[in-house]
């Protein structure tokens, strides 16, 4: 009888010790030697496999307690797949909660102001997080492929930094940027100045793309917009080099020649009247806002001043003088 009681006592002590050990483990931090860790839960991963992987990283010292707790509470059946950036200050119980709410790791890709469609597509293709589904899609077919309205894809994506989880497709990324562009364009069109010399939001987008390529100085955006608006009102050709460059396309070698200026393309604003048929680049929010709020100016010309900015002038005589001073370096 004494032996039986002794055995019962030992069993109770062992059970109490195990319960206390499990309680301390489940309610203590995963690790105090580091601050964070990355965890990827793949389709088909079991709670045991996840626990083993965490134990290998010295994050779960008692993976068996974690597994038993997860199975007992039912949490093992509701683990979400994905990538997680997690704090080692979490307890094993809190870790289970995190893995049930799909707080996945986010990656980012930035669309830069002034990029054209082929630069954007190159950046998307080079991103190793996005799933690539558009390798054989021609530029002109991009809009149809991503499920947006048909039309030329140039300028149809809003420059910004976009965050997304692994598994996002290139088409989903571009559709999101396109929708963001539509929202911003509708916003600025609704708040446009009266008597703009354009008749649609799409023409505003074309104007904004030219502004984006003509100057990298945001404080000049409205002045460039004012020059474009002034020329359109007077029926003058825009005569803006970035449109010529866009018409040359990928064959442009960095220098505009006299022949380039004399070659008629749909984008050569030295040869065509009014705006080109499509945007020539991705226009950011500031350029879009400037396009619908051109400066109240008589300036019809501008020339680079050699410091990154421009000198704006009202007449041909003033413009020629500025060209001699800043381009030809003559007095």
Protein backbone atom coordinates (compact mmCIF):
# COMPACT_ATOMS: atom_id res chain seq x y z
CA UNK A 1 0.00 0.00 0.00
CA UNK A 2 2.83 2.35 0.90
CA UNK A 3 4.49 1.61 -2.43
CA UNK A 4 1.26 2.37 -4.28
CA UNK A 5 0.81 5.64 -2.43
CA UNK A 6 4.41 6.56 -3.12
CA UNK A 7 3.92 5.89 -6.82
CA UNK A 8 0.76 7.99 -6.86
CA UNK A 9 2.60 10.77 -5.13
CA UNK A 10 5.43 10.62 -7.66
CA UNK A 11 2.97 10.64 -10.54
CA UNK A 12 1.17 13.65 -9.08
CA UNK A 13 4.47 15.45 -8.54
CA UNK A 14 5.56 14.68 -12.11
CA UNK A 15 2.21 15.88 -13.45
CA UNK A 16 2.44 19.02 -11.36
CA UNK A 17 5.97 19.64 -12.52
CA UNK A 18 4.98 19.08 -16.17
CA UNK A 19 1.97 21.38 -15.81
CA UNK A 20 4.11 24.09 -14.23
CA UNK A 21 6.75 23.67 -16.94
CA UNK A 22 4.11 23.87 -19.68
CA UNK A 23 2.54 26.94 -18.09
CA UNK A 24 5.91 28.75 -17.81
CA UNK A 25 6.82 27.84 -21.36
CA UNK A 26 3.47 28.80 -22.92
CA UNK A 27 3.42 32.16 -21.14
CA UNK A 28 7.08 33.13 -21.45
CA UNK A 29 8.80 34.95 -24.36
CA UNK A 30 10.00 32.92 -27.29
CA UNK A 31 13.53 34.28 -27.08
CA UNK A 32 15.31 37.09 -25.28
CA UNK A 33 18.48 37.03 -27.38
CA UNK A 34 16.99 38.55 -30.54
CA UNK A 35 14.17 40.98 -31.34
CA UNK A 36 12.33 39.51 -34.32
CA UNK A 37 12.20 36.61 -36.74
CA UNK A 38 10.66 35.63 -40.06
CA UNK A 39 8.36 32.64 -40.44
CA UNK A 40 6.87 31.22 -43.62
CA UNK A 41 3.91 28.88 -43.27
CA UNK A 42 3.37 26.95 -46.50
CA UNK A 43 0.35 25.08 -47.73
CA UNK A 44 0.30 21.68 -46.02
CA UNK A 45 2.51 22.63 -43.07
CA UNK A 46 1.37 20.92 -39.86
CA UNK A 47 1.61 22.35 -36.37
CA UNK A 48 4.32 19.78 -35.64
CA UNK A 49 6.36 20.79 -38.67
CA UNK A 50 6.07 24.49 -37.74
CA UNK A 51 7.03 23.76 -34.14
CA UNK A 52 10.06 21.76 -35.23
CA UNK A 53 11.20 24.57 -37.51
CA UNK A 54 10.87 27.07 -34.66
CA UNK A 55 12.74 24.75 -32.29
CA UNK A 56 15.58 24.54 -34.83
CA UNK A 57 15.83 28.34 -34.62
CA UNK A 58 15.94 28.15 -30.80
CA UNK A 59 12.56 29.86 -30.56
CA UNK A 60 10.53 27.02 -29.10
CA UNK A 61 12.32 25.13 -26.34
CA UNK A 62 9.36 22.83 -25.70
CA UNK A 63 7.67 22.35 -29.10
CA UNK A 64 5.68 19.39 -27.75
CA UNK A 65 3.85 21.65 -25.26
CA UNK A 66 3.08 24.11 -28.06
CA UNK A 67 1.74 21.34 -30.29
CA UNK A 68 -0.39 19.82 -27.52
CA UNK A 69 -1.81 23.22 -26.58
CA UNK A 70 -2.57 24.03 -30.23
CA UNK A 71 -4.35 20.72 -30.76
CA UNK A 72 -6.27 20.94 -27.45
CA UNK A 73 -7.53 24.48 -28.18
CA UNK A 74 -8.25 23.79 -31.86
CA UNK A 75 -5.80 26.47 -33.00
CA UNK A 76 -3.83 23.89 -34.98
CA UNK A 77 -6.72 23.70 -37.47
CA UNK A 78 -6.85 27.44 -38.19
CA UNK A 79 -3.23 28.33 -38.94
CA UNK A 80 -3.04 30.60 -42.02
CA UNK A 81 -0.42 30.21 -44.71
CA UNK A 82 1.82 33.17 -45.54
CA UNK A 83 4.95 35.03 -44.47
CA UNK A 84 5.12 36.59 -41.03
CA UNK A 85 7.45 39.11 -39.42
CA UNK A 86 7.13 38.41 -35.70
CA UNK A 87 8.55 39.60 -32.39
CA UNK A 88 10.44 37.19 -30.15
CA UNK A 89 8.73 38.89 -27.19
CA UNK A 90 5.59 36.95 -28.12
CA UNK A 91 4.64 34.01 -25.95
CA UNK A 92 3.91 30.67 -27.65
CA UNK A 93 0.20 31.28 -27.00
CA UNK A 94 0.38 34.73 -28.60
CA UNK A 95 2.30 33.24 -31.52
CA UNK A 96 -0.61 30.89 -32.20
CA UNK A 97 -2.97 33.85 -32.24
CA UNK A 98 -0.75 35.71 -34.73
CA UNK A 99 -0.71 32.72 -37.07
CA UNK A 100 -4.49 32.62 -37.14
CA UNK A 101 -5.09 36.18 -38.39
CA UNK A 102 -2.94 36.10 -41.54
CA UNK A 103 -0.79 39.14 -40.78
CA UNK A 104 1.46 38.45 -43.69
CA UNK A 105 4.80 40.05 -44.43
CA UNK A 106 4.52 42.92 -46.89
CA UNK A 107 6.95 43.69 -49.71
CA UNK A 108 7.08 46.89 -51.72
CA UNK A 109 7.72 48.19 -55.21
CA UNK A 110 7.90 51.87 -56.12
CA UNK A 111 6.66 53.28 -59.42
CA UNK A 112 8.70 56.42 -60.07
CA UNK A 113 7.35 59.65 -61.52
CA UNK A 114 8.38 59.99 -65.14
CA UNK A 115 8.77 56.29 -65.88
CA UNK A 116 7.34 55.14 -69.19
CA UNK A 117 5.53 51.85 -69.73
CA UNK A 118 8.59 49.83 -70.70
CA UNK A 119 10.55 51.08 -67.67
CA UNK A 120 7.62 50.14 -65.43
CA UNK A 121 7.33 46.69 -66.97
CA UNK A 122 11.07 46.12 -66.59
CA UNK A 123 10.88 46.97 -62.88
CA UNK A 124 7.89 44.67 -62.39
CA UNK A 125 9.59 41.84 -64.29
CA UNK A 126 12.73 42.23 -62.16
CA UNK A 127 10.80 41.94 -58.89
CA UNK A 128 11.30 38.41 -57.52
CA UNK A 129 8.37 38.56 -55.09
CA UNK A 130 5.61 39.14 -57.64
CA UNK A 131 4.34 36.14 -59.57
CA UNK A 132 4.98 36.79 -63.26
CA UNK A 133 2.10 36.13 -65.64
CA UNK A 134 2.73 38.76 -68.32
CA UNK A 135 6.01 37.70 -69.90
CA UNK A 136 4.51 37.34 -73.38
CA UNK A 137 2.03 40.22 -73.21
CA UNK A 138 2.75 43.14 -75.55
CA UNK A 139 2.69 46.66 -74.11
CA UNK A 140 -0.41 47.55 -76.09
CA UNK A 141 -2.26 44.57 -74.59
CA UNK A 142 -1.40 45.27 -70.94
CA UNK A 143 -4.67 47.01 -70.09
CA UNK A 144 -6.79 44.22 -71.49
CA UNK A 145 -4.70 41.58 -69.75
CA UNK A 146 -4.98 43.13 -66.28
CA UNK A 147 -8.75 43.42 -66.62
CA UNK A 148 -8.86 47.20 -66.97
CA UNK A 149 -10.52 49.17 -69.74
CA UNK A 150 -8.95 48.78 -73.15
CA UNK A 151 -6.63 51.58 -74.18
CA UNK A 152 -3.00 52.57 -74.42
CA UNK A 153 -1.19 51.64 -71.17
CA UNK A 154 1.19 54.60 -71.14
CA UNK A 155 0.64 56.86 -68.12
CA UNK A 156 -2.13 54.63 -66.75
CA UNK A 157 -0.44 53.78 -63.43
CA UNK A 158 -0.01 56.14 -60.49
CA UNK A 159 3.55 56.58 -59.23
CA UNK A 160 3.71 55.55 -55.58
CA UNK A 161 5.13 52.87 -53.29
CA UNK A 162 2.83 49.85 -53.19
CA UNK A 163 2.96 47.13 -50.54
CA UNK A 164 1.87 43.56 -51.19
CA UNK A 165 2.35 39.98 -49.86
CA UNK A 166 4.18 37.20 -51.64
CA UNK A 167 1.88 35.54 -54.13
CA UNK A 168 0.61 38.79 -55.63
CA UNK A 169 0.71 38.65 -59.43
CA UNK A 170 2.16 41.31 -61.68
CA UNK A 171 -1.31 41.82 -63.16
CA UNK A 172 -2.82 42.40 -59.70
CA UNK A 173 -0.06 44.89 -58.88
CA UNK A 174 -0.59 46.87 -62.09
CA UNK A 175 -4.37 46.82 -61.75
CA UNK A 176 -4.04 48.28 -58.25
CA UNK A 177 -1.77 51.08 -59.53
CA UNK A 178 -4.19 51.73 -62.40
CA UNK A 179 -7.15 52.01 -60.04
CA UNK A 180 -5.15 54.41 -57.86
CA UNK A 181 -4.49 56.55 -60.95
CA UNK A 182 -8.20 56.62 -61.79
CA UNK A 183 -9.09 57.74 -58.27
CA UNK A 184 -6.52 60.56 -58.30
CA UNK A 185 -7.40 61.65 -61.82
CA UNK A 186 -11.11 61.85 -60.98
CA UNK A 187 -10.25 63.88 -57.89
CA UNK A 188 -8.19 66.50 -59.74
CA UNK A 189 -10.65 66.65 -62.66
CA UNK A 190 -13.46 67.45 -60.23
CA UNK A 191 -11.37 70.27 -58.74
CA UNK A 192 -10.04 71.74 -62.01
CA UNK A 193 -9.79 75.41 -62.84
CA UNK A 194 -12.43 76.97 -65.03
CA UNK A 195 -11.64 77.47 -68.72
CA UNK A 196 -8.94 74.81 -68.99
CA UNK A 197 -7.98 74.34 -72.65
CA UNK A 198 -8.67 70.59 -72.44
CA UNK A 199 -11.94 68.72 -72.66
CA UNK A 200 -11.35 65.48 -70.74
CA UNK A 201 -9.58 63.98 -67.77
CA UNK A 202 -7.49 61.94 -70.21
CA UNK A 203 -6.11 65.13 -71.76
CA UNK A 204 -5.23 66.28 -68.24
CA UNK A 205 -3.27 63.04 -67.85
CA UNK A 206 -1.42 63.78 -71.10
CA UNK A 207 -0.62 67.32 -69.90
CA UNK A 208 0.60 66.01 -66.55
CA UNK A 209 2.90 63.49 -68.22
CA UNK A 210 4.55 66.27 -70.24
CA UNK A 211 4.94 68.39 -67.10
CA UNK A 212 6.56 65.41 -65.38
CA UNK A 213 9.13 65.01 -68.15
CA UNK A 214 9.81 68.72 -68.71
CA UNK A 215 10.94 69.54 -65.16
CA UNK A 216 12.15 67.72 -62.08
CA UNK A 217 11.52 70.80 -59.90
CA UNK A 218 8.07 70.51 -58.28
CA UNK A 219 7.76 74.26 -57.70
CA UNK A 220 7.91 74.71 -61.49
CA UNK A 221 5.06 72.31 -62.25
CA UNK A 222 2.36 74.98 -62.36
CA UNK A 223 4.50 77.30 -64.50
CA UNK A 224 5.15 74.53 -67.05
CA UNK A 225 1.44 73.77 -66.94
CA UNK A 226 0.78 77.47 -67.56
CA UNK A 227 3.01 77.45 -70.63
CA UNK A 228 1.26 74.37 -72.03
CA UNK A 229 -2.18 75.86 -71.34
CA UNK A 230 -1.16 79.20 -72.89
CA UNK A 231 0.08 77.55 -76.06
CA UNK A 232 -3.05 75.42 -76.36
CA UNK A 233 -5.27 78.48 -75.97
CA UNK A 234 -3.37 80.34 -78.70
CA UNK A 235 -3.35 77.35 -81.04
CA UNK A 236 0.44 77.17 -80.90
CA UNK A 237 2.30 73.90 -81.29
CA UNK A 238 3.75 72.73 -77.97
CA UNK A 239 7.24 72.10 -79.44
CA UNK A 240 8.37 70.14 -76.38
CA UNK A 241 11.35 67.82 -76.68
CA UNK A 242 10.16 65.03 -74.32
CA UNK A 243 7.26 64.31 -76.67
CA UNK A 244 9.71 63.97 -79.58
CA UNK A 245 11.86 61.61 -77.51
CA UNK A 246 8.88 59.46 -76.65
CA UNK A 247 7.99 59.23 -80.34
CA UNK A 248 11.50 57.97 -81.10
CA UNK A 249 11.00 55.28 -78.47
CA UNK A 250 13.62 52.81 -77.28
CA UNK A 251 15.92 53.79 -80.15
CA UNK A 252 16.58 57.24 -78.67
CA UNK A 253 20.35 57.59 -78.10
CA UNK A 254 20.32 60.61 -75.81
CA UNK A 255 20.58 63.35 -78.43
CA UNK A 256 17.77 65.03 -80.35
CA UNK A 257 18.84 65.84 -83.88
CA UNK A 258 17.44 68.26 -86.45
CA UNK A 259 16.18 65.23 -88.33
CA UNK A 260 14.32 64.04 -85.22
CA UNK A 261 12.55 67.38 -84.96
CA UNK A 262 11.57 67.24 -88.63
CA UNK A 263 10.36 63.64 -88.59
CA UNK A 264 6.61 63.45 -88.20
CA UNK A 265 5.41 61.03 -85.54
CA UNK A 266 2.16 61.11 -83.56
CA UNK A 267 4.23 62.50 -80.66
CA UNK A 268 6.36 65.12 -82.42
CA UNK A 269 4.80 68.33 -81.11
CA UNK A 270 7.00 70.33 -83.47
CA UNK A 271 4.92 68.80 -86.29
CA UNK A 272 1.50 68.07 -84.80
CA UNK A 273 -1.06 70.48 -83.41
CA UNK A 274 -2.26 70.30 -79.79
CA UNK A 275 -1.48 67.41 -77.46
CA UNK A 276 0.02 64.05 -78.43
CA UNK A 277 -2.46 61.15 -78.56
CA UNK A 278 -1.44 59.52 -75.26
CA UNK A 279 0.58 60.35 -72.16
CA UNK A 280 4.34 60.05 -72.53
CA UNK A 281 5.10 58.92 -68.97
CA UNK A 282 3.66 58.12 -65.56
CA UNK A 283 2.54 61.36 -63.92
CA UNK A 284 2.58 61.72 -60.15
CA UNK A 285 -0.02 63.37 -57.97
CA UNK A 286 1.76 66.77 -57.96
CA UNK A 287 1.95 66.90 -61.76
CA UNK A 288 -1.72 65.92 -62.06
CA UNK A 289 -2.71 68.69 -59.66
CA UNK A 290 -0.58 71.21 -61.60
CA UNK A 291 -2.19 70.17 -64.88
CA UNK A 292 -5.62 71.30 -63.66
CA UNK A 293 -4.21 74.38 -61.91
CA UNK A 294 -1.87 76.04 -64.42
CA UNK A 295 -0.13 79.21 -63.32
CA UNK A 296 -1.71 82.49 -64.43
CA UNK A 297 1.18 83.52 -66.65
CA UNK A 298 1.90 85.08 -70.03
CA UNK A 299 4.97 82.88 -70.43
CA UNK A 300 4.97 80.77 -73.59
CA UNK A 301 8.59 79.61 -73.52
CA UNK A 302 11.13 78.18 -71.10
CA UNK A 303 14.72 77.07 -71.27
CA UNK A 304 16.92 75.10 -68.89
CA UNK A 305 19.11 77.37 -66.76
CA UNK A 306 21.85 74.80 -66.17
CA UNK A 307 21.08 74.34 -62.48
CA UNK A 308 18.13 71.97 -62.83
CA UNK A 309 15.52 74.70 -63.18
CA UNK A 310 14.20 76.81 -66.03
CA UNK A 311 13.92 80.43 -67.16
CA UNK A 312 10.41 81.32 -68.35
CA UNK A 313 9.87 84.01 -70.96
CA UNK A 314 6.89 85.64 -72.70
CA UNK A 315 8.16 86.38 -76.20
CA UNK A 316 10.29 84.80 -78.90
CA UNK A 317 12.86 87.58 -78.50
CA UNK A 318 13.17 86.94 -74.74
CA UNK A 319 13.36 83.21 -75.34
CA UNK A 320 16.11 83.54 -77.95
CA UNK A 321 18.06 85.73 -75.56
CA UNK A 322 17.71 83.10 -72.82
CA UNK A 323 18.83 80.37 -75.24
CA UNK A 324 21.95 82.36 -76.12
CA UNK A 325 22.72 82.88 -72.43
CA UNK A 326 21.95 79.47 -70.95
CA UNK A 327 22.33 77.04 -73.87
CA UNK A 328 24.81 78.65 -76.24
CA UNK A 329 26.62 80.42 -73.36
CA UNK A 330 26.71 83.69 -75.28
CA UNK A 331 25.81 87.18 -74.11
